[in-house]
Amino acid sequence: MDAPLYLRPRVEPPLAELLTDGPFLHSLVDALGSPLNVLLPEAVAANAARFRAVYRRHHLTGRLYFAHKANRSTALLRRLAAQDPDAVGVDVASTEELRHALGCGFTGDRILATGPKDAAFLWLAARVGATVSLDSPGELERLSGLVRAHGLGRVAVLVRLSGFEHATGHGGAGTRLLSRRSRFGTPVRDTEGLLSALERTTDAVEFAGAAYHLDTTGVEEKARALEQCVLFMDACRARGLAPRAVDIGGGFGVGYVAEAEDWERWTTALTEAVLGVRPPLTWRGHGYGLRNEGGTVRGAAALYPAYRPTAGPGYLDELLSLPAPVLGRRPATLLLEHLHDLYIEPGRSLVDQCGLTLARVLDVRPADTGSGQYLVHLAMNAGDMSLEEHGVLVDPVLLSRGEAASDDGEPAGVYLTGNLCLEGDLITRRLVFLPRLPRAGDLLAFANTAGYAMDFHAHHAQRQPVARTVAVERRGDSWHWCPDEDYWPILPMGGAVG
C-alpha cells in the first residue's frame, strides 16, 4: 500500500480534551446508542466572543445572528440566548425555527427572519417584533398587508440584494457582474420597484437596511457587495428613507483539516488517481467532480476547502480590512463614516469546534481480495453525519474499546459504510486512512460536525434510529452531560445527573 494519505482533523480545546477521554465517550454511546451527537455549549459562547472582538477592533456596532439552520440544538440556542442581547441574536428560516428560538429565550427584537416565508411565518415574525429580511417586493406587500389586516405594529425590514454589478464603460455605459446570480434577493438593477414599495408601506414597515448573502469564499467579491449596499443605502436616504444597517450574511468558513500539507497531498493524489497514474482513492473511482477525458483532467472538484488558514472571525476581520475598489475605503471605514450598524449571520463558523458525532464499529471485512483495503460497517448512515454531503473531507478519530484494546498496528485504508440497505450509503466515498484497523466495538469520532453535518440531513429511513444529542461540559476533573433539550445555561448541566 502507498503511504497513507491522512486528512487529520483540526481540533482545539475543549473539543481536543473531550476526544482524549475515550472511556467517557464510550459510556455515552453504551447508554444512549449509536450514532450519538455530543455538543459543547460553552464553545459556542466563546466563538461569539471572538466575533464580537472583531467588531470592537474595528469600532463597529451591530449584532451577529446565529444561522439556526446550521444545527437543531436547543442547548446551543439557549447558551446564545444568555449572551448580551445587544450583541447576539438568531437568524430563523422557518416558522418552527422561530418558535424554537422564542422557546429558548430569544425575544422578538433579537430575531431575524430570513428565507422563503409563508403567511404564518410572516405573521408570527411581525407579531413578536422580529426583523424580517425581504427577498422581493411581493414579500413586502404580503407582510404589509398582514400588518394592516391584523393591526400589528410597524415591522423592521431589511431588503436583501443580489446580482451586484459595476459600471465599466464611459459614463456607466457598460456593466460587469460582480456576484453570481442567486434565487434569494432582489437584483440591484431591479430595486426601483422595491424602493417605491417601501415608500408606499411606511405605515406598516420600518426600512432598517440592506442585506446580501453570497455563496462564495471570495473575500473581494463580498467587499464589493458591501460597498454596493452602502451606495444603495445612500440612494435610499436621498429619497427620504433612513436605513441604518448592512447585513453581510454568513459564509465565514471553518478550517476542518489541521495541516495544509495533508490537504495539498490529498488533492494532488486525487488528480493523479483520476488520471490513472496512481491507484484509486475513492469507491468505484468517484472523482468528486473531476473526470479523465483523453488523459486530461476536466471538471472542478466539488469540495469544501477543508484547510483554511483564515476562517470564522479571522475571515470577517480580513473582509472588513480589505480596500474597497470604487470608493477607496476599507469596508469597516465605510460603515463607520456612514454610521451604519453591521449585521452578520454566521452558522457553520459560530459552531466551529462545538461538537462531534460518535459511531460504533459493527463489522470489519476486506473490501477486495488482496487490495489491503477494508469495509468498516458503522452503526450510522450518511444522513447522520453528512460532512461529505457538503463537500467536507476529514478523517475521524479512532477511539479504542476498553483498556485491553491496543492502538498498535499498521495504518489501514478503509471505506466507511452505513447501516442502510443501499449500495450508496457510504459515510465517505474516499479511502480513509486510520492509524490501525478498527475492531468491532471501537468508536469513530467525527470531529466538528455541529455545523450542517450532525442533523441537517438526518432521517428515519428503514426505521433506523436518528442520533440522540447531548450537551457536555467539563467540571473539575470530569465531564458531565445532559440531554440537549434539558440544558439550561443558568444550571449546571440543567440540573441533570451526568
Protein backbone atom coordinates (compact mmCIF):
# COMPACT_ATOMS: atom_id res chain seq x y z
CA MET A 1 0.00 0.00 0.00
CA ASP A 2 1.21 3.53 -0.79
CA ALA A 3 1.98 5.94 2.05
CA PRO A 4 -1.23 6.79 3.95
CA LEU A 5 -2.95 9.99 2.89
CA TYR A 6 -4.27 11.44 6.12
CA LEU A 7 -6.69 14.35 6.45
CA ARG A 8 -6.27 14.80 10.19
CA PRO A 9 -8.92 16.98 11.82
CA ARG A 10 -8.25 20.37 13.35
CA VAL A 11 -9.31 20.14 16.99
CA GLU A 12 -8.92 22.80 19.66
CA PRO A 13 -9.84 22.99 23.35
CA PRO A 14 -12.22 21.96 24.79
CA LEU A 15 -13.07 19.60 21.91
CA ALA A 16 -9.49 18.31 21.88
CA GLU A 17 -9.69 17.35 25.58
CA LEU A 18 -13.05 15.66 25.07
CA LEU A 19 -11.57 13.45 22.35
CA THR A 20 -8.89 12.20 24.74
CA ASP A 21 -11.50 10.81 27.15
CA GLY A 22 -12.38 7.60 25.36
CA PRO A 23 -13.97 5.89 28.37
CA PHE A 24 -16.39 8.78 28.87
CA LEU A 25 -17.40 8.82 25.20
CA HIS A 26 -17.81 5.04 25.14
CA SER A 27 -20.01 5.25 28.23
CA LEU A 28 -22.26 7.79 26.48
CA VAL A 29 -22.71 5.54 23.45
CA ASP A 30 -23.30 2.50 25.69
CA ALA A 31 -26.11 4.40 27.42
CA LEU A 32 -27.64 6.32 24.52
CA GLY A 33 -26.81 4.34 21.41
CA SER A 34 -25.02 4.89 18.14
CA PRO A 35 -24.94 7.32 16.42
CA LEU A 36 -24.69 10.00 19.08
CA ASN A 37 -24.17 13.75 18.78
CA VAL A 38 -22.18 15.49 21.51
CA LEU A 39 -22.25 19.29 21.89
CA LEU A 40 -20.17 21.79 23.87
CA PRO A 41 -22.40 24.81 24.59
CA GLU A 42 -19.59 26.82 26.18
CA ALA A 43 -17.67 26.65 22.89
CA VAL A 44 -20.43 28.48 21.00
CA ALA A 45 -20.30 31.31 23.57
CA ALA A 46 -16.52 31.53 23.10
CA ASN A 47 -16.96 31.74 19.32
CA ALA A 48 -19.50 34.54 19.69
CA ALA A 49 -16.98 36.42 21.85
CA ARG A 50 -14.33 36.06 19.13
CA PHE A 51 -16.66 37.56 16.54
CA ARG A 52 -17.52 40.40 18.91
CA ALA A 53 -13.80 41.10 19.39
CA VAL A 54 -13.57 41.80 15.64
CA TYR A 55 -16.38 44.33 16.00
CA ARG A 56 -14.50 46.08 18.78
CA ARG A 57 -11.24 46.06 16.83
CA HIS A 58 -12.94 47.98 14.03
CA HIS A 59 -15.05 50.15 16.38
CA LEU A 60 -18.28 48.82 14.84
CA THR A 61 -21.73 48.39 16.30
CA GLY A 62 -24.35 45.85 15.31
CA ARG A 63 -25.36 42.29 16.05
CA LEU A 64 -24.43 38.77 15.00
CA TYR A 65 -27.37 36.47 14.25
CA PHE A 66 -26.72 32.72 14.56
CA ALA A 67 -28.00 30.93 11.46
CA HIS A 68 -30.22 28.40 13.23
CA LYS A 69 -30.43 26.09 10.22
CA ALA A 70 -26.83 25.00 10.88
CA ASN A 71 -27.94 22.97 13.90
CA ARG A 72 -31.24 21.98 15.53
CA SER A 73 -29.82 22.00 19.05
CA THR A 74 -31.72 23.52 21.96
CA ALA A 75 -28.62 23.71 24.16
CA LEU A 76 -26.66 25.85 21.69
CA LEU A 77 -29.59 28.21 21.21
CA ARG A 78 -30.19 28.59 24.95
CA ARG A 79 -26.49 29.31 25.50
CA LEU A 80 -26.58 32.05 22.87
CA ALA A 81 -29.82 33.46 24.28
CA ALA A 82 -27.94 34.03 27.54
CA GLN A 83 -25.43 36.28 25.73
CA ASP A 84 -25.55 40.08 25.57
CA PRO A 85 -28.91 40.80 23.87
CA ASP A 86 -27.47 43.79 22.01
CA ALA A 87 -24.67 41.65 20.57
CA VAL A 88 -26.15 38.22 19.77
CA GLY A 89 -29.39 37.23 18.06
CA VAL A 90 -30.67 34.37 15.94
CA ASP A 91 -31.48 34.04 12.24
CA VAL A 92 -34.50 31.79 11.67
CA ALA A 93 -35.65 30.47 8.30
CA SER A 94 -38.96 28.77 9.13
CA THR A 95 -41.95 29.06 11.45
CA GLU A 96 -40.69 26.18 13.59
CA GLU A 97 -37.22 27.70 13.92
CA LEU A 98 -38.88 30.94 15.02
CA ARG A 99 -40.97 29.10 17.61
CA HIS A 100 -37.89 27.24 18.81
CA ALA A 101 -35.91 30.47 19.20
CA LEU A 102 -38.69 32.06 21.25
CA GLY A 103 -38.88 28.96 23.45
CA CYS A 104 -35.12 29.07 24.03
CA GLY A 105 -35.24 32.58 25.44
CA PHE A 106 -34.81 34.93 22.50
CA THR A 107 -37.11 37.93 22.48
CA GLY A 108 -38.56 39.04 19.17
CA ASP A 109 -36.28 42.06 18.83
CA ARG A 110 -33.26 39.67 18.75
CA ILE A 111 -34.66 37.56 15.90
CA LEU A 112 -34.03 37.95 12.17
CA ALA A 113 -36.47 36.12 9.86
CA THR A 114 -34.92 35.06 6.54
CA GLY A 115 -35.52 32.58 3.73
CA PRO A 116 -38.80 31.73 1.94
CA LYS A 117 -41.78 32.83 4.06
CA ASP A 118 -45.40 31.75 4.05
CA ALA A 119 -48.20 33.77 5.67
CA ALA A 120 -47.86 32.04 9.06
CA PHE A 121 -44.13 32.74 9.22
CA LEU A 122 -44.61 36.40 8.26
CA TRP A 123 -47.45 36.88 10.74
CA LEU A 124 -45.63 35.33 13.69
CA ALA A 125 -42.43 37.26 12.91
CA ALA A 126 -44.41 40.51 12.76
CA ARG A 127 -46.40 39.64 15.88
CA VAL A 128 -43.32 39.10 18.05
CA GLY A 129 -41.41 42.10 16.69
CA ALA A 130 -38.73 40.26 14.69
CA THR A 131 -36.79 41.94 11.90
CA VAL A 132 -37.78 40.49 8.51
CA SER A 133 -35.26 40.12 5.68
CA LEU A 134 -37.22 40.54 2.43
CA ASP A 135 -36.33 38.86 -0.85
CA SER A 136 -38.78 40.64 -3.17
CA PRO A 137 -41.35 43.44 -3.47
CA GLY A 138 -44.05 40.75 -3.36
CA GLU A 139 -42.89 39.60 0.07
CA LEU A 140 -43.00 43.21 1.24
CA GLU A 141 -46.58 43.60 0.00
CA ARG A 142 -47.69 40.39 1.76
CA LEU A 143 -46.04 41.46 5.01
CA SER A 144 -47.51 44.97 4.97
CA GLY A 145 -50.96 43.51 4.18
CA LEU A 146 -50.76 41.25 7.24
CA VAL A 147 -49.65 44.14 9.45
CA ARG A 148 -52.59 46.28 8.36
CA ALA A 149 -55.17 43.49 8.44
CA HIS A 150 -54.28 42.42 11.97
CA GLY A 151 -53.49 45.81 13.48
CA LEU A 152 -49.85 44.96 14.21
CA GLY A 153 -47.06 47.43 14.94
CA ARG A 154 -44.59 48.50 12.28
CA VAL A 155 -42.11 45.77 11.38
CA ALA A 156 -38.40 46.41 10.88
CA VAL A 157 -37.31 45.06 7.49
CA LEU A 158 -34.07 44.51 5.63
CA VAL A 159 -34.09 44.25 1.84
CA ARG A 160 -31.82 41.53 0.53
CA LEU A 161 -29.97 42.40 -2.68
CA SER A 162 -28.26 40.25 -5.29
CA GLY A 163 -26.76 40.48 -8.77
CA PHE A 164 -24.30 43.23 -7.90
CA GLU A 165 -22.88 45.00 -10.95
CA HIS A 166 -20.34 47.73 -11.57
CA ALA A 167 -20.09 50.21 -14.41
CA THR A 168 -17.13 49.50 -16.72
CA GLY A 169 -17.69 51.83 -19.67
CA HIS A 170 -17.62 55.63 -20.14
CA GLY A 171 -20.39 57.21 -18.10
CA GLY A 172 -21.51 53.81 -16.89
CA ALA A 173 -22.26 52.58 -20.41
CA GLY A 174 -21.16 49.03 -19.65
CA THR A 175 -21.62 46.80 -16.64
CA ARG A 176 -19.84 43.80 -15.23
CA LEU A 177 -21.47 41.27 -12.91
CA LEU A 178 -19.61 41.17 -9.60
CA SER A 179 -21.51 38.35 -7.92
CA ARG A 180 -23.15 35.15 -9.08
CA ARG A 181 -26.89 35.08 -9.53
CA SER A 182 -28.94 33.93 -6.57
CA ARG A 183 -32.54 32.88 -6.15
CA PHE A 184 -32.61 34.99 -2.97
CA GLY A 185 -32.81 38.75 -3.00
CA THR A 186 -33.72 41.48 -5.50
CA PRO A 187 -31.15 42.22 -8.23
CA VAL A 188 -29.66 45.67 -7.74
CA ARG A 189 -30.77 46.76 -11.23
CA ASP A 190 -34.40 45.98 -10.28
CA THR A 191 -34.59 47.89 -6.99
CA GLU A 192 -36.64 50.83 -8.27
CA GLY A 193 -39.88 48.91 -7.77
CA LEU A 194 -38.71 47.80 -4.35
CA LEU A 195 -37.93 51.37 -3.27
CA SER A 196 -41.32 52.56 -4.48
CA ALA A 197 -42.97 49.78 -2.48
CA LEU A 198 -41.01 50.77 0.64
CA GLU A 199 -42.19 54.36 0.23
CA ARG A 200 -45.82 53.18 -0.06
CA THR A 201 -45.67 50.97 3.02
CA THR A 202 -44.05 53.20 5.64
CA ASP A 203 -47.22 52.85 7.74
CA ALA A 204 -46.58 49.10 8.07
CA VAL A 205 -42.81 48.65 7.90
CA GLU A 206 -39.67 50.43 9.02
CA PHE A 207 -36.86 50.14 6.46
CA ALA A 208 -33.86 49.17 8.58
CA GLY A 209 -31.19 48.39 5.97
CA ALA A 210 -29.80 46.32 3.13
CA ALA A 211 -28.55 42.74 3.14
CA TYR A 212 -26.76 40.22 0.96
CA HIS A 213 -25.66 36.61 1.24
CA LEU A 214 -23.16 35.41 -1.35
CA ASP A 215 -22.44 31.70 -1.79
CA THR A 216 -18.71 32.16 -2.27
CA THR A 217 -15.48 32.15 -0.28
CA GLY A 218 -14.16 35.13 -2.29
CA VAL A 219 -13.47 37.97 0.14
CA GLU A 220 -13.06 40.55 -2.66
CA GLU A 221 -16.49 39.73 -4.07
CA LYS A 222 -18.08 40.19 -0.66
CA ALA A 223 -16.28 43.50 -0.09
CA ARG A 224 -17.61 44.82 -3.40
CA ALA A 225 -21.12 43.73 -2.49
CA LEU A 226 -20.85 45.52 0.86
CA GLU A 227 -19.77 48.66 -0.94
CA GLN A 228 -22.73 48.35 -3.33
CA CYS A 229 -25.07 48.07 -0.32
CA VAL A 230 -23.65 51.29 1.13
CA LEU A 231 -24.20 53.06 -2.20
CA PHE A 232 -27.74 51.67 -2.35
CA MET A 233 -28.46 52.98 1.14
CA ASP A 234 -27.14 56.41 0.11
CA ALA A 235 -29.72 56.41 -2.69
CA CYS A 236 -32.40 55.40 -0.17
CA ARG A 237 -31.51 58.32 2.09
CA ALA A 238 -31.81 60.69 -0.85
CA ARG A 239 -35.44 59.54 -1.17
CA GLY A 240 -36.23 60.26 2.46
CA LEU A 241 -35.75 56.73 3.81
CA ALA A 242 -33.49 56.13 6.81
CA PRO A 243 -31.77 52.72 6.69
CA ARG A 244 -29.11 52.11 9.33
CA ALA A 245 -27.71 48.55 8.96
CA VAL A 246 -25.83 46.46 6.42
CA ASP A 247 -26.27 42.69 6.78
CA ILE A 248 -23.43 40.81 5.06
CA GLY A 249 -24.80 37.33 5.75
CA GLY A 250 -22.56 34.40 6.63
CA GLY A 251 -20.06 32.23 4.79
CA PHE A 252 -17.08 32.98 7.05
CA GLY A 253 -15.97 29.38 6.86
CA VAL A 254 -14.29 26.75 9.02
CA GLY A 255 -10.93 25.05 8.81
CA TYR A 256 -11.58 21.32 9.15
CA VAL A 257 -8.16 19.86 8.31
CA ALA A 258 -5.24 20.62 10.65
CA GLU A 259 -2.35 20.66 8.20
CA ALA A 260 -2.05 22.36 4.81
CA GLU A 261 0.37 19.63 3.69
CA ASP A 262 -2.27 16.92 4.27
CA TRP A 263 -4.80 18.77 2.13
CA GLU A 264 -2.33 19.53 -0.67
CA ARG A 265 -1.08 15.92 -0.78
CA TRP A 266 -4.59 14.50 -0.89
CA THR A 267 -5.97 16.83 -3.57
CA THR A 268 -2.87 16.23 -5.72
CA ALA A 269 -3.28 12.48 -5.28
CA LEU A 270 -6.96 12.72 -6.27
CA THR A 271 -5.98 14.33 -9.58
CA GLU A 272 -3.36 11.63 -10.16
CA ALA A 273 -5.90 8.90 -9.37
CA VAL A 274 -8.41 10.39 -11.83
CA LEU A 275 -5.67 10.37 -14.48
CA GLY A 276 -4.90 6.76 -13.64
CA VAL A 277 -1.26 7.31 -12.69
CA ARG A 278 -1.84 6.04 -9.16
CA PRO A 279 -4.32 3.58 -7.57
CA PRO A 280 -7.88 4.87 -6.97
CA LEU A 281 -8.51 6.83 -3.77
CA THR A 282 -12.27 6.51 -3.90
CA TRP A 283 -15.05 3.96 -4.07
CA ARG A 284 -15.53 2.86 -7.69
CA GLY A 285 -13.35 5.69 -8.97
CA HIS A 286 -15.56 8.54 -7.78
CA GLY A 287 -13.86 11.79 -8.83
CA TYR A 288 -15.64 14.40 -6.69
CA GLY A 289 -16.40 16.33 -9.86
CA LEU A 290 -13.16 15.56 -11.70
CA ARG A 291 -13.05 13.27 -14.75
CA ASN A 292 -10.47 11.95 -17.18
CA GLU A 293 -11.03 12.95 -20.81
CA GLY A 294 -8.31 11.52 -23.02
CA GLY A 295 -5.58 11.92 -20.43
CA THR A 296 -6.67 15.42 -19.37
CA VAL A 297 -8.44 16.23 -16.13
CA ARG A 298 -11.72 18.03 -16.73
CA GLY A 299 -14.33 19.46 -14.38
CA ALA A 300 -13.94 21.07 -10.97
CA ALA A 301 -13.60 19.38 -7.60
CA ALA A 302 -16.86 19.79 -5.66
CA LEU A 303 -15.02 20.01 -2.37
CA TYR A 304 -15.09 22.44 0.52
CA PRO A 305 -11.63 23.99 1.09
CA ALA A 306 -11.07 21.89 4.20
CA TYR A 307 -7.78 23.54 5.09
CA ARG A 308 -8.40 27.26 5.63
CA PRO A 309 -5.71 29.36 7.30
CA THR A 310 -8.18 32.22 7.68
CA ALA A 311 -11.77 31.46 8.65
CA GLY A 312 -14.53 32.50 11.03
CA PRO A 313 -13.69 35.71 12.94
CA GLY A 314 -10.38 35.96 11.06
CA TYR A 315 -12.22 35.96 7.74
CA LEU A 316 -14.54 38.72 8.97
CA ASP A 317 -11.52 40.76 10.06
CA GLU A 318 -9.93 40.30 6.63
CA LEU A 319 -13.13 41.32 4.86
CA LEU A 320 -13.51 44.49 6.94
CA SER A 321 -9.86 45.41 6.31
CA LEU A 322 -9.87 44.92 2.53
CA PRO A 323 -9.58 48.09 0.41
CA ALA A 324 -12.86 48.80 -1.38
CA PRO A 325 -12.46 49.06 -5.18
CA VAL A 326 -14.63 52.08 -6.05
CA LEU A 327 -14.94 54.33 -3.01
CA GLY A 328 -11.36 53.59 -1.96
CA ARG A 329 -12.07 52.92 1.72
CA ARG A 330 -11.98 49.78 3.80
CA PRO A 331 -15.43 48.27 4.44
CA ALA A 332 -15.06 48.98 8.16
CA THR A 333 -14.29 52.63 7.40
CA LEU A 334 -17.28 52.89 5.06
CA LEU A 335 -19.59 51.58 7.77
CA LEU A 336 -18.15 53.95 10.36
CA GLU A 337 -18.34 57.02 8.11
CA HIS A 338 -21.95 56.30 7.25
CA LEU A 339 -22.85 55.43 10.88
CA HIS A 340 -24.15 52.03 9.77
CA ASP A 341 -24.53 49.00 12.04
CA LEU A 342 -23.02 45.73 10.83
CA TYR A 343 -25.15 42.58 10.93
CA ILE A 344 -23.69 39.13 10.25
CA GLU A 345 -25.30 35.68 10.07
CA PRO A 346 -22.65 33.08 10.97
CA GLY A 347 -23.79 29.47 11.03
CA ARG A 348 -21.03 26.93 10.45
CA SER A 349 -18.36 29.30 11.81
CA LEU A 350 -20.26 30.07 15.03
CA VAL A 351 -20.48 26.37 15.91
CA ASP A 352 -16.87 25.61 14.93
CA GLN A 353 -15.34 23.16 17.45
CA CYS A 354 -18.70 22.87 19.22
CA GLY A 355 -19.43 19.20 18.72
CA LEU A 356 -18.73 15.74 17.39
CA THR A 357 -20.65 12.71 16.19
CA LEU A 358 -19.87 9.22 17.51
CA ALA A 359 -20.47 5.94 15.68
CA ARG A 360 -19.82 2.40 16.84
CA VAL A 361 -17.95 -0.04 14.60
CA LEU A 362 -20.16 -3.06 13.89
CA ASP A 363 -18.09 -5.10 11.44
CA VAL A 364 -14.80 -5.04 9.56
CA ARG A 365 -14.07 -7.08 6.45
CA PRO A 366 -11.80 -6.95 3.38
CA ALA A 367 -13.07 -4.77 0.55
CA ASP A 368 -11.42 -6.86 -2.20
CA THR A 369 -9.15 -9.87 -2.16
CA GLY A 370 -5.54 -8.75 -1.99
CA SER A 371 -6.28 -4.99 -2.07
CA GLY A 372 -5.29 -4.37 1.52
CA GLN A 373 -8.41 -2.24 1.89
CA TYR A 374 -11.34 -2.87 4.22
CA LEU A 375 -15.00 -2.08 4.63
CA VAL A 376 -15.87 -0.76 8.07
CA HIS A 377 -19.59 -1.03 8.80
CA LEU A 378 -20.85 1.62 11.24
CA ALA A 379 -24.00 1.97 13.33
CA MET A 380 -24.95 5.17 11.49
CA ASN A 381 -25.81 6.24 7.96
CA ALA A 382 -24.78 9.07 5.66
CA GLY A 383 -27.69 11.22 6.86
CA ASP A 384 -26.47 11.04 10.45
CA MET A 385 -23.05 12.54 9.64
CA SER A 386 -23.21 14.48 6.40
CA LEU A 387 -19.88 16.29 6.18
CA GLU A 388 -19.29 14.77 2.76
CA GLU A 389 -22.73 15.90 1.58
CA HIS A 390 -21.30 19.43 1.94
CA GLY A 391 -18.00 18.51 0.29
CA VAL A 392 -16.06 18.36 3.56
CA LEU A 393 -13.39 15.65 3.75
CA VAL A 394 -11.71 14.99 7.10
CA ASP A 395 -10.61 11.89 8.99
CA PRO A 396 -12.49 10.53 12.02
CA VAL A 397 -10.67 9.87 15.30
CA LEU A 398 -10.42 6.20 16.29
CA LEU A 399 -11.32 5.50 19.94
CA SER A 400 -10.42 2.00 21.13
CA ARG A 401 -12.83 -0.09 23.16
CA GLY A 402 -11.51 -0.71 26.66
CA GLU A 403 -8.00 -0.74 28.07
CA ALA A 404 -7.22 -4.10 26.51
CA ALA A 405 -7.57 -2.73 23.01
CA SER A 406 -4.14 -1.71 21.75
CA ASP A 407 -3.69 1.14 19.33
CA ASP A 408 -0.55 -0.51 17.97
CA GLY A 409 -0.75 -1.64 14.38
CA GLU A 410 -0.16 -0.68 10.80
CA PRO A 411 -2.08 2.18 9.15
CA ALA A 412 -5.14 0.85 7.33
CA GLY A 413 -7.11 2.16 4.36
CA VAL A 414 -10.84 1.70 4.90
CA TYR A 415 -14.17 2.61 3.34
CA LEU A 416 -16.78 3.65 5.90
CA THR A 417 -20.21 2.19 5.16
CA GLY A 418 -23.58 2.95 6.73
CA ASN A 419 -26.43 0.91 8.17
CA LEU A 420 -28.92 1.30 5.31
CA CYS A 421 -29.60 -1.49 2.85
CA LEU A 422 -28.41 0.69 -0.02
CA GLU A 423 -25.25 0.43 -2.11
CA GLY A 424 -24.89 4.20 -1.96
CA ASP A 425 -24.97 4.50 1.83
CA LEU A 426 -21.32 5.43 2.26
CA ILE A 427 -20.25 7.70 5.09
CA THR A 428 -17.43 8.83 2.81
CA ARG A 429 -16.66 7.80 -0.76
CA ARG A 430 -12.94 8.23 -0.29
CA LEU A 431 -10.47 5.77 1.17
CA VAL A 432 -9.96 6.85 4.78
CA PHE A 433 -6.64 6.08 6.41
CA LEU A 434 -6.72 5.21 10.11
CA PRO A 435 -3.71 4.57 12.39
CA ARG A 436 -4.78 0.94 12.68
CA LEU A 437 -7.58 -1.32 11.52
CA PRO A 438 -10.67 -0.78 13.72
CA ARG A 439 -12.31 -3.60 15.65
CA ALA A 440 -15.98 -4.23 16.35
CA GLY A 441 -16.92 -2.17 19.40
CA ASP A 442 -14.48 0.64 18.71
CA LEU A 443 -15.82 4.16 18.16
CA LEU A 444 -15.15 6.55 15.34
CA ALA A 445 -15.47 10.18 16.43
CA PHE A 446 -16.21 12.64 13.62
CA ALA A 447 -14.98 15.99 14.92
CA ASN A 448 -16.54 19.38 14.25
CA THR A 449 -19.90 18.20 12.95
CA ALA A 450 -22.06 20.83 14.68
CA GLY A 451 -22.31 22.93 11.51
CA TYR A 452 -24.72 21.35 8.97
CA ALA A 453 -23.42 17.80 9.49
CA MET A 454 -24.90 16.21 12.63
CA ASP A 455 -28.62 16.75 11.99
CA PHE A 456 -29.11 18.67 8.73
CA HIS A 457 -29.86 15.52 6.69
CA ALA A 458 -30.92 13.16 9.49
CA HIS A 459 -33.88 10.91 8.63
CA HIS A 460 -35.76 7.77 9.69
CA ALA A 461 -35.14 5.67 6.55
CA GLN A 462 -35.63 1.93 7.19
CA ARG A 463 -36.70 2.94 10.72
CA GLN A 464 -33.08 3.26 11.74
CA PRO A 465 -32.72 5.39 14.89
CA VAL A 466 -31.78 9.04 14.48
CA ALA A 467 -28.89 10.19 16.66
CA ARG A 468 -29.69 11.50 20.08
CA THR A 469 -27.93 14.70 21.11
CA VAL A 470 -26.31 15.51 24.45
CA ALA A 471 -24.61 18.60 25.86
CA VAL A 472 -21.41 18.20 27.85
CA GLU A 473 -19.23 20.42 29.99
CA ARG A 474 -16.04 19.98 31.98
CA ARG A 475 -16.36 20.44 35.73
CA GLY A 476 -13.19 19.82 37.72
CA ASP A 477 -11.55 16.60 36.63
CA SER A 478 -14.57 15.05 34.93
CA TRP A 479 -17.10 15.58 32.16
CA HIS A 480 -20.80 15.96 32.88
CA TRP A 481 -23.66 15.60 30.43
CA CYS A 482 -27.38 16.03 29.99
CA PRO A 483 -29.83 15.57 27.10
CA ASP A 484 -29.69 18.51 24.69
CA GLU A 485 -33.26 19.54 25.50
CA ASP A 486 -32.56 19.58 29.26
CA TYR A 487 -29.64 22.01 29.11
CA TRP A 488 -30.11 25.45 30.68
CA PRO A 489 -27.18 27.89 30.91
CA ILE A 490 -28.26 29.01 34.39
CA LEU A 491 -27.90 25.49 35.83
CA PRO A 492 -25.00 23.00 35.89
CA MET A 493 -25.98 20.73 33.02
CA GLY A 494 -29.61 21.64 33.57
CA GLY A 495 -29.51 20.05 36.98
CA ALA A 496 -29.41 16.61 35.31
CA VAL A 497 -27.35 13.74 36.65
CA GLY A 498 -24.26 13.22 34.48
